[in-house]
Amino acid sequence: MSLLNKKIENFTLPDENGNLFELASLKGKKLIVFYPGDDTPTCTKQLCSYSSGFEEFVNLGVHIIGINQDSIESHKKFKEKYKLKFPLLSDPEKKVIKLFRADGLLGTKRATFLLNEENIVIFENDTFPVFYKDKEEILKEIKKLL
């Protein structure tokens, strides 16, 4: 079931430093990236791709947020190891993961959502765990919506 054109309510989750991150604290568009696991081959490629294009996303007014069920400690190690430039949020109870219907049989599914300034979903991509849209494909999708 699609979330396209649905408003996402505010949520709060801890980031990789244990600080509470609130969706409402971000102004502008938000690219929310759900991914199965920290430091796994495909997830690492995907998040590093987005991090390498971080300035391009910022120039389009887009904030990037990574979310899965891994621990704060796992997120911290993963972010530091690959020098990721955006927050990684920990959702061990899967509250936000379920809100976005990104909960799968084996944990968090790979899914990407773009929210507009009012937190309405304007783009979604739910795919198989071994596939993802790299930064070029995501940026292309975002530019089509601007």
N, C-alpha and C. Protein backbone atom coordinates (compact mmCIF):
# COMPACT_ATOMS: atom_id res chain seq x y z
N MET A 1 0.84 -1.18 0.00
CA MET A 1 0.00 0.00 0.00
C MET A 1 0.88 1.25 0.00
N SER A 2 0.61 2.13 -0.88
CA SER A 2 1.43 3.32 -1.08
C SER A 2 1.19 4.38 0.00
N LEU A 3 2.24 5.10 0.31
CA LEU A 3 2.14 6.24 1.22
C LEU A 3 2.16 7.56 0.46
N LEU A 4 2.21 7.48 -0.86
CA LEU A 4 2.27 8.67 -1.70
C LEU A 4 1.12 9.62 -1.36
N ASN A 5 1.45 10.89 -1.20
CA ASN A 5 0.50 11.95 -0.87
C ASN A 5 -0.07 11.86 0.54
N LYS A 6 0.52 11.01 1.39
CA LYS A 6 0.09 10.91 2.79
C LYS A 6 1.00 11.76 3.66
N LYS A 7 0.40 12.41 4.66
CA LYS A 7 1.18 13.22 5.60
C LYS A 7 1.78 12.30 6.67
N ILE A 8 3.05 12.50 6.95
CA ILE A 8 3.74 11.72 7.98
C ILE A 8 3.76 12.56 9.26
N GLU A 9 3.26 11.98 10.33
CA GLU A 9 3.23 12.68 11.62
C GLU A 9 4.66 12.78 12.16
N ASN A 10 4.85 13.76 13.00
CA ASN A 10 6.15 13.97 13.62
C ASN A 10 6.57 12.72 14.40
N PHE A 11 7.86 12.43 14.41
CA PHE A 11 8.38 11.33 15.21
C PHE A 11 9.72 11.74 15.81
N THR A 12 10.10 11.04 16.87
CA THR A 12 11.37 11.29 17.55
C THR A 12 12.07 9.96 17.75
N LEU A 13 13.35 9.90 17.35
CA LEU A 13 14.18 8.71 17.55
C LEU A 13 15.59 9.17 17.94
N PRO A 14 16.35 8.30 18.63
CA PRO A 14 17.73 8.66 18.95
C PRO A 14 18.64 8.51 17.74
N ASP A 15 19.60 9.45 17.63
CA ASP A 15 20.58 9.36 16.55
C ASP A 15 21.79 8.55 17.02
N GLU A 16 22.83 8.53 16.19
CA GLU A 16 24.02 7.73 16.47
C GLU A 16 24.78 8.19 17.71
N ASN A 17 24.48 9.37 18.22
CA ASN A 17 25.12 9.87 19.44
C ASN A 17 24.21 9.76 20.65
N GLY A 18 23.01 9.20 20.45
CA GLY A 18 22.06 9.07 21.55
C GLY A 18 21.21 10.31 21.76
N ASN A 19 21.40 11.33 20.91
CA ASN A 19 20.58 12.54 21.00
C ASN A 19 19.24 12.30 20.33
N LEU A 20 18.18 12.87 20.90
CA LEU A 20 16.87 12.70 20.30
C LEU A 20 16.74 13.57 19.06
N PHE A 21 16.34 12.95 17.99
CA PHE A 21 16.16 13.62 16.70
C PHE A 21 14.67 13.69 16.43
N GLU A 22 14.18 14.87 16.11
CA GLU A 22 12.76 15.06 15.85
C GLU A 22 12.56 15.49 14.41
N LEU A 23 11.69 14.79 13.69
CA LEU A 23 11.42 15.12 12.29
C LEU A 23 11.05 16.58 12.13
N ALA A 24 10.22 17.09 13.03
CA ALA A 24 9.74 18.48 12.95
C ALA A 24 10.87 19.50 13.06
N SER A 25 12.04 19.07 13.53
CA SER A 25 13.16 20.02 13.68
C SER A 25 13.78 20.38 12.33
N LEU A 26 13.48 19.60 11.29
CA LEU A 26 14.04 19.87 9.96
C LEU A 26 13.08 20.68 9.11
N LYS A 27 13.59 21.74 8.55
CA LYS A 27 12.80 22.54 7.60
C LYS A 27 13.24 22.13 6.21
N GLY A 28 12.32 22.07 5.30
CA GLY A 28 12.66 21.67 3.93
C GLY A 28 12.26 20.23 3.66
N LYS A 29 12.79 19.70 2.58
CA LYS A 29 12.46 18.33 2.17
C LYS A 29 13.34 17.35 2.93
N LYS A 30 12.83 16.12 3.10
CA LYS A 30 13.57 15.09 3.82
C LYS A 30 13.58 13.81 3.00
N LEU A 31 14.77 13.25 2.80
CA LEU A 31 14.91 11.96 2.16
C LEU A 31 15.14 10.95 3.28
N ILE A 32 14.15 10.12 3.53
CA ILE A 32 14.24 9.14 4.60
C ILE A 32 14.58 7.79 3.98
N VAL A 33 15.72 7.25 4.42
CA VAL A 33 16.26 6.03 3.84
C VAL A 33 16.21 4.92 4.88
N PHE A 34 15.36 3.94 4.63
CA PHE A 34 15.32 2.75 5.49
C PHE A 34 16.22 1.71 4.85
N TYR A 35 17.05 1.09 5.67
CA TYR A 35 18.00 0.11 5.14
C TYR A 35 18.15 -1.05 6.14
N PRO A 36 18.40 -2.27 5.63
CA PRO A 36 18.42 -3.45 6.50
C PRO A 36 19.46 -3.47 7.62
N GLY A 37 20.72 -3.07 7.33
CA GLY A 37 21.71 -3.20 8.39
C GLY A 37 22.95 -2.37 8.20
N ASP A 38 23.53 -1.93 9.32
CA ASP A 38 24.78 -1.19 9.31
C ASP A 38 25.91 -2.09 8.83
N ASP A 39 26.81 -1.51 8.06
CA ASP A 39 28.05 -2.17 7.64
C ASP A 39 27.84 -3.47 6.88
N THR A 40 26.73 -3.56 6.15
CA THR A 40 26.50 -4.69 5.26
C THR A 40 26.82 -4.19 3.84
N PRO A 41 27.21 -5.08 2.93
CA PRO A 41 27.71 -4.62 1.62
C PRO A 41 26.79 -3.67 0.86
N THR A 42 25.54 -4.05 0.65
CA THR A 42 24.65 -3.21 -0.16
C THR A 42 24.28 -1.92 0.58
N CYS A 43 24.02 -2.02 1.87
CA CYS A 43 23.67 -0.83 2.65
C CYS A 43 24.83 0.15 2.68
N THR A 44 26.04 -0.37 2.82
CA THR A 44 27.22 0.49 2.84
C THR A 44 27.35 1.23 1.51
N LYS A 45 27.19 0.52 0.39
CA LYS A 45 27.27 1.17 -0.93
C LYS A 45 26.21 2.24 -1.07
N GLN A 46 24.98 1.92 -0.66
CA GLN A 46 23.87 2.86 -0.79
C GLN A 46 24.12 4.12 0.04
N LEU A 47 24.40 3.97 1.31
CA LEU A 47 24.56 5.14 2.16
C LEU A 47 25.81 5.94 1.83
N CYS A 48 26.88 5.27 1.43
CA CYS A 48 28.08 5.99 0.99
C CYS A 48 27.80 6.77 -0.29
N SER A 49 26.98 6.21 -1.17
CA SER A 49 26.59 6.91 -2.40
C SER A 49 25.87 8.22 -2.04
N TYR A 50 24.92 8.15 -1.12
CA TYR A 50 24.17 9.35 -0.74
C TYR A 50 25.09 10.35 -0.02
N SER A 51 25.99 9.83 0.81
CA SER A 51 26.91 10.71 1.54
C SER A 51 27.86 11.43 0.58
N SER A 52 28.30 10.73 -0.47
CA SER A 52 29.22 11.35 -1.43
C SER A 52 28.52 12.46 -2.22
N GLY A 53 27.20 12.40 -2.31
CA GLY A 53 26.44 13.44 -2.99
C GLY A 53 25.75 14.39 -2.04
N PHE A 54 26.20 14.39 -0.78
CA PHE A 54 25.53 15.15 0.27
C PHE A 54 25.30 16.62 -0.11
N GLU A 55 26.33 17.27 -0.66
CA GLU A 55 26.20 18.70 -1.01
C GLU A 55 25.15 18.90 -2.10
N GLU A 56 25.06 17.96 -3.03
CA GLU A 56 24.04 18.07 -4.08
C GLU A 56 22.63 18.01 -3.49
N PHE A 57 22.44 17.13 -2.50
CA PHE A 57 21.14 17.06 -1.83
C PHE A 57 20.86 18.36 -1.07
N VAL A 58 21.86 18.85 -0.34
CA VAL A 58 21.71 20.10 0.42
C VAL A 58 21.36 21.25 -0.52
N ASN A 59 22.03 21.31 -1.67
CA ASN A 59 21.76 22.39 -2.64
C ASN A 59 20.33 22.35 -3.16
N LEU A 60 19.70 21.19 -3.10
CA LEU A 60 18.30 21.05 -3.52
C LEU A 60 17.34 21.23 -2.33
N GLY A 61 17.90 21.54 -1.16
CA GLY A 61 17.08 21.74 0.04
C GLY A 61 16.60 20.44 0.65
N VAL A 62 17.37 19.36 0.48
CA VAL A 62 16.95 18.04 0.95
C VAL A 62 17.86 17.55 2.08
N HIS A 63 17.25 17.20 3.20
CA HIS A 63 17.96 16.59 4.33
C HIS A 63 17.89 15.07 4.16
N ILE A 64 18.96 14.36 4.49
CA ILE A 64 18.96 12.90 4.41
C ILE A 64 18.95 12.34 5.83
N ILE A 65 18.15 11.30 6.04
CA ILE A 65 18.07 10.62 7.33
C ILE A 65 18.08 9.12 7.06
N GLY A 66 18.97 8.39 7.72
CA GLY A 66 18.99 6.93 7.62
C GLY A 66 18.33 6.34 8.85
N ILE A 67 17.52 5.28 8.66
CA ILE A 67 16.83 4.64 9.79
C ILE A 67 16.85 3.13 9.62
N ASN A 68 17.16 2.43 10.72
CA ASN A 68 16.90 0.99 10.82
C ASN A 68 16.82 0.62 12.29
N GLN A 69 16.73 -0.68 12.56
CA GLN A 69 16.53 -1.14 13.93
C GLN A 69 17.84 -1.35 14.69
N ASP A 70 18.99 -1.12 14.05
CA ASP A 70 20.27 -1.32 14.72
C ASP A 70 20.45 -0.35 15.89
N SER A 71 21.37 -0.71 16.79
CA SER A 71 21.59 0.07 18.01
C SER A 71 22.30 1.40 17.72
N ILE A 72 22.22 2.28 18.69
CA ILE A 72 22.92 3.56 18.63
C ILE A 72 24.41 3.31 18.43
N GLU A 73 24.97 2.36 19.18
CA GLU A 73 26.40 2.05 19.10
C GLU A 73 26.78 1.57 17.70
N SER A 74 25.94 0.71 17.13
CA SER A 74 26.19 0.20 15.77
C SER A 74 26.18 1.35 14.77
N HIS A 75 25.20 2.24 14.90
CA HIS A 75 25.11 3.40 14.01
C HIS A 75 26.34 4.29 14.14
N LYS A 76 26.78 4.51 15.38
CA LYS A 76 27.95 5.37 15.61
C LYS A 76 29.19 4.80 14.91
N LYS A 77 29.43 3.51 15.07
CA LYS A 77 30.60 2.86 14.43
C LYS A 77 30.49 2.94 12.91
N PHE A 78 29.30 2.64 12.39
CA PHE A 78 29.07 2.65 10.95
C PHE A 78 29.29 4.06 10.38
N LYS A 79 28.72 5.06 11.04
CA LYS A 79 28.84 6.44 10.55
C LYS A 79 30.30 6.91 10.58
N GLU A 80 31.00 6.60 11.67
CA GLU A 80 32.40 7.00 11.78
C GLU A 80 33.29 6.28 10.78
N LYS A 81 33.06 4.98 10.60
CA LYS A 81 33.88 4.17 9.69
C LYS A 81 33.83 4.71 8.27
N TYR A 82 32.63 5.09 7.81
CA TYR A 82 32.46 5.55 6.43
C TYR A 82 32.28 7.06 6.30
N LYS A 83 32.42 7.78 7.43
CA LYS A 83 32.31 9.24 7.44
C LYS A 83 31.01 9.73 6.78
N LEU A 84 29.91 9.08 7.14
CA LEU A 84 28.60 9.46 6.60
C LEU A 84 28.23 10.84 7.12
N LYS A 85 27.61 11.65 6.27
CA LYS A 85 27.37 13.06 6.57
C LYS A 85 25.95 13.37 7.04
N PHE A 86 25.18 12.35 7.36
CA PHE A 86 23.80 12.57 7.79
C PHE A 86 23.49 11.68 8.98
N PRO A 87 22.42 12.02 9.73
CA PRO A 87 22.10 11.25 10.92
C PRO A 87 21.58 9.84 10.60
N LEU A 88 21.94 8.91 11.49
CA LEU A 88 21.42 7.55 11.44
C LEU A 88 20.58 7.36 12.70
N LEU A 89 19.32 7.07 12.51
CA LEU A 89 18.40 6.95 13.64
C LEU A 89 18.15 5.49 13.99
N SER A 90 18.10 5.24 15.28
CA SER A 90 17.89 3.88 15.79
C SER A 90 16.42 3.70 16.17
N ASP A 91 15.80 2.65 15.62
CA ASP A 91 14.38 2.37 15.87
C ASP A 91 14.22 0.89 16.24
N PRO A 92 14.78 0.48 17.41
CA PRO A 92 14.75 -0.94 17.78
C PRO A 92 13.34 -1.49 17.98
N GLU A 93 12.39 -0.63 18.33
CA GLU A 93 11.00 -1.08 18.50
C GLU A 93 10.22 -1.00 17.19
N LYS A 94 10.86 -0.50 16.15
CA LYS A 94 10.32 -0.41 14.80
C LYS A 94 9.05 0.44 14.69
N LYS A 95 8.88 1.42 15.56
CA LYS A 95 7.69 2.26 15.51
C LYS A 95 7.63 3.07 14.21
N VAL A 96 8.74 3.74 13.88
CA VAL A 96 8.77 4.55 12.66
C VAL A 96 8.89 3.64 11.44
N ILE A 97 9.65 2.58 11.56
CA ILE A 97 9.78 1.61 10.47
C ILE A 97 8.40 1.09 10.06
N LYS A 98 7.57 0.77 11.04
CA LYS A 98 6.20 0.28 10.75
C LYS A 98 5.32 1.42 10.21
N LEU A 99 5.51 2.63 10.72
CA LEU A 99 4.75 3.78 10.23
C LEU A 99 4.94 3.94 8.71
N PHE A 100 6.16 3.70 8.24
CA PHE A 100 6.48 3.81 6.82
C PHE A 100 6.31 2.49 6.07
N ARG A 101 5.80 1.48 6.76
CA ARG A 101 5.60 0.15 6.17
C ARG A 101 6.92 -0.42 5.61
N ALA A 102 8.01 -0.17 6.33
CA ALA A 102 9.32 -0.65 5.92
C ALA A 102 9.78 -1.84 6.77
N ASP A 103 8.81 -2.49 7.41
CA ASP A 103 9.11 -3.64 8.26
C ASP A 103 8.95 -4.92 7.43
N GLY A 104 10.00 -5.70 7.37
CA GLY A 104 9.96 -6.94 6.60
C GLY A 104 10.13 -8.16 7.48
N LEU A 105 10.06 -9.32 6.88
CA LEU A 105 10.20 -10.57 7.62
C LEU A 105 11.56 -10.68 8.31
N LEU A 106 12.59 -10.14 7.68
CA LEU A 106 13.95 -10.26 8.23
C LEU A 106 14.44 -8.96 8.87
N GLY A 107 13.55 -8.04 9.15
CA GLY A 107 13.95 -6.76 9.74
C GLY A 107 13.47 -5.60 8.90
N THR A 108 14.30 -4.58 8.80
CA THR A 108 13.96 -3.39 8.03
C THR A 108 14.15 -3.64 6.55
N LYS A 109 13.15 -3.27 5.76
CA LYS A 109 13.25 -3.38 4.30
C LYS A 109 14.01 -2.17 3.77
N ARG A 110 14.51 -2.32 2.56
CA ARG A 110 15.16 -1.19 1.89
C ARG A 110 14.04 -0.37 1.24
N ALA A 111 13.86 0.86 1.70
CA ALA A 111 12.81 1.73 1.16
C ALA A 111 13.26 3.18 1.33
N THR A 112 12.89 4.02 0.38
CA THR A 112 13.29 5.42 0.39
C THR A 112 12.05 6.28 0.16
N PHE A 113 11.94 7.33 0.96
CA PHE A 113 10.80 8.24 0.87
C PHE A 113 11.29 9.68 0.83
N LEU A 114 10.69 10.48 -0.03
CA LEU A 114 10.97 11.91 -0.04
C LEU A 114 9.73 12.62 0.48
N LEU A 115 9.93 13.42 1.53
CA LEU A 115 8.84 14.21 2.10
C LEU A 115 9.04 15.66 1.70
N ASN A 116 7.93 16.34 1.42
CA ASN A 116 8.04 17.77 1.12
C ASN A 116 8.12 18.56 2.43
N GLU A 117 8.05 19.87 2.33
CA GLU A 117 8.17 20.74 3.51
C GLU A 117 7.08 20.50 4.54
N GLU A 118 5.92 20.00 4.10
CA GLU A 118 4.80 19.73 5.01
C GLU A 118 4.79 18.28 5.48
N ASN A 119 5.86 17.54 5.19
CA ASN A 119 6.00 16.12 5.56
C ASN A 119 5.00 15.21 4.86
N ILE A 120 4.65 15.59 3.64
CA ILE A 120 3.80 14.74 2.79
C ILE A 120 4.71 13.96 1.85
N VAL A 121 4.47 12.66 1.74
CA VAL A 121 5.29 11.81 0.89
C VAL A 121 5.06 12.18 -0.57
N ILE A 122 6.13 12.58 -1.26
CA ILE A 122 6.01 12.95 -2.68
C ILE A 122 6.76 11.98 -3.59
N PHE A 123 7.54 11.08 -2.99
CA PHE A 123 8.23 10.04 -3.75
C PHE A 123 8.49 8.87 -2.81
N GLU A 124 8.30 7.66 -3.34
CA GLU A 124 8.63 6.48 -2.55
C GLU A 124 9.23 5.42 -3.46
N ASN A 125 10.16 4.68 -2.89
CA ASN A 125 10.80 3.59 -3.63
C ASN A 125 11.03 2.45 -2.65
N ASP A 126 10.32 1.37 -2.86
CA ASP A 126 10.43 0.18 -2.03
C ASP A 126 11.00 -0.90 -2.95
N THR A 127 12.14 -1.47 -2.59
CA THR A 127 12.79 -2.39 -3.50
C THR A 127 13.31 -3.63 -2.79
N PHE A 128 13.85 -4.55 -3.55
CA PHE A 128 14.43 -5.75 -2.99
C PHE A 128 15.71 -5.40 -2.23
N PRO A 129 16.05 -6.14 -1.18
CA PRO A 129 17.21 -5.80 -0.35
C PRO A 129 18.53 -5.63 -1.10
N VAL A 130 18.74 -6.35 -2.19
CA VAL A 130 20.03 -6.25 -2.88
C VAL A 130 20.07 -5.10 -3.89
N PHE A 131 18.96 -4.42 -4.10
CA PHE A 131 18.91 -3.31 -5.05
C PHE A 131 18.65 -2.00 -4.31
N TYR A 132 19.08 -0.92 -4.90
CA TYR A 132 18.80 0.41 -4.37
C TYR A 132 19.01 1.42 -5.48
N LYS A 133 18.42 2.59 -5.31
CA LYS A 133 18.68 3.68 -6.24
C LYS A 133 19.88 4.45 -5.69
N ASP A 134 20.92 4.61 -6.53
CA ASP A 134 22.10 5.34 -6.08
C ASP A 134 21.80 6.85 -6.09
N LYS A 135 22.80 7.64 -5.69
CA LYS A 135 22.56 9.08 -5.56
C LYS A 135 22.12 9.72 -6.87
N GLU A 136 22.69 9.27 -8.00
CA GLU A 136 22.31 9.86 -9.29
C GLU A 136 20.84 9.61 -9.59
N GLU A 137 20.38 8.39 -9.35
CA GLU A 137 18.97 8.05 -9.62
C GLU A 137 18.04 8.81 -8.68
N ILE A 138 18.41 8.90 -7.41
CA ILE A 138 17.58 9.62 -6.44
C ILE A 138 17.56 11.12 -6.76
N LEU A 139 18.72 11.68 -7.05
CA LEU A 139 18.77 13.11 -7.41
C LEU A 139 17.93 13.40 -8.64
N LYS A 140 17.96 12.50 -9.62
CA LYS A 140 17.16 12.65 -10.82
C LYS A 140 15.67 12.67 -10.47
N GLU A 141 15.25 11.75 -9.59
CA GLU A 141 13.84 11.72 -9.14
C GLU A 141 13.45 13.00 -8.43
N ILE A 142 14.34 13.48 -7.56
CA ILE A 142 14.06 14.71 -6.80
C ILE A 142 13.92 15.90 -7.74
N LYS A 143 14.83 16.00 -8.70
CA LYS A 143 14.79 17.14 -9.64
C LYS A 143 13.51 17.14 -10.48
N LYS A 144 12.98 15.95 -10.78
CA LYS A 144 11.71 15.86 -11.53
C LYS A 144 10.57 16.46 -10.73
N LEU A 145 10.68 16.39 -9.39
CA LEU A 145 9.60 16.85 -8.51
C LEU A 145 9.70 18.34 -8.16
N LEU A 146 10.83 18.94 -8.47
CA LEU A 146 11.02 20.36 -8.11
C LEU A 146 10.41 21.30 -9.13
